[in-house]
Amino acid sequence: MENIRVMLKYDSCLAIDVEGRSRGLAIMWRDIVKCRVLNYSRNFINLVVEDNEKGD
């Protein structure tokens, strides 16, 4: 996944490994977007995304 992140020029990535017959799960973002991972499992990623341009 790291190779794909670099190729697509994303700054950050969270990847959940394959488990059994399931496929993996991943999300990527650039630093211009503020993201905070709240929690995750093999089925979901719970993420807060904030708009840096909007302010408070």
Protein backbone atom coordinates (compact mmCIF):
# COMPACT_ATOMS: atom_id res chain seq x y z
CA MET A 1 0.00 0.00 0.00
CA GLU A 2 2.91 2.34 0.71
CA ASN A 3 4.04 2.11 -2.92
CA ILE A 4 0.56 3.09 -4.12
CA ARG A 5 0.42 6.00 -1.64
CA VAL A 6 3.74 7.35 -2.93
CA MET A 7 2.78 6.82 -6.59
CA LEU A 8 -0.49 8.73 -6.10
CA LYS A 9 1.33 11.45 -4.11
CA TYR A 10 -0.74 11.16 -0.94
CA ASP A 11 0.89 12.19 2.35
CA SER A 12 -0.87 9.78 4.71
CA CYS A 13 -2.51 6.40 4.59
CA LEU A 14 -4.26 3.96 6.88
CA ALA A 15 -4.46 0.40 5.55
CA ILE A 16 -6.22 -2.53 7.21
CA ASP A 17 -4.60 -5.85 6.31
CA VAL A 18 -6.39 -8.66 4.55
CA GLU A 19 -7.88 -11.17 6.97
CA GLY A 20 -8.99 -14.58 5.72
CA ARG A 21 -10.95 -14.28 2.47
CA SER A 22 -11.79 -10.62 3.00
CA ARG A 23 -10.09 -7.91 1.01
CA GLY A 24 -8.16 -5.07 2.59
CA LEU A 25 -9.44 -1.60 3.37
CA ALA A 26 -7.52 1.66 3.00
CA ILE A 27 -7.91 5.41 3.02
CA MET A 28 -5.38 8.01 1.84
CA TRP A 29 -5.26 11.77 2.25
CA ARG A 30 -3.07 14.79 1.69
CA ASP A 31 -1.78 17.05 4.45
CA ILE A 32 -3.94 19.95 3.23
CA VAL A 33 -6.86 18.03 4.76
CA LYS A 34 -6.85 17.51 8.52
CA CYS A 35 -7.89 13.92 9.31
CA ARG A 36 -8.14 12.22 12.66
CA VAL A 37 -8.72 8.48 12.90
CA LEU A 38 -11.17 7.72 15.71
CA ASN A 39 -11.18 3.93 15.39
CA TYR A 40 -11.16 1.15 12.83
CA SER A 41 -11.66 -2.55 12.30
CA ARG A 42 -11.41 -4.89 9.34
CA ASN A 43 -14.88 -3.65 8.26
CA PHE A 44 -14.70 0.13 8.71
CA ILE A 45 -12.54 3.20 9.27
CA ASN A 46 -14.07 5.92 11.45
CA LEU A 47 -12.38 9.19 10.49
CA VAL A 48 -13.04 12.88 11.18
CA VAL A 49 -12.19 15.20 8.28
CA GLU A 50 -11.91 18.94 8.92
CA ASP A 51 -11.84 21.75 6.38
CA ASN A 52 -8.67 23.76 7.06
CA GLU A 53 -9.93 26.77 5.08
CA LYS A 54 -13.15 27.15 7.05
CA GLY A 55 -11.64 27.89 10.46
CA ASP A 56 -13.65 27.44 13.67
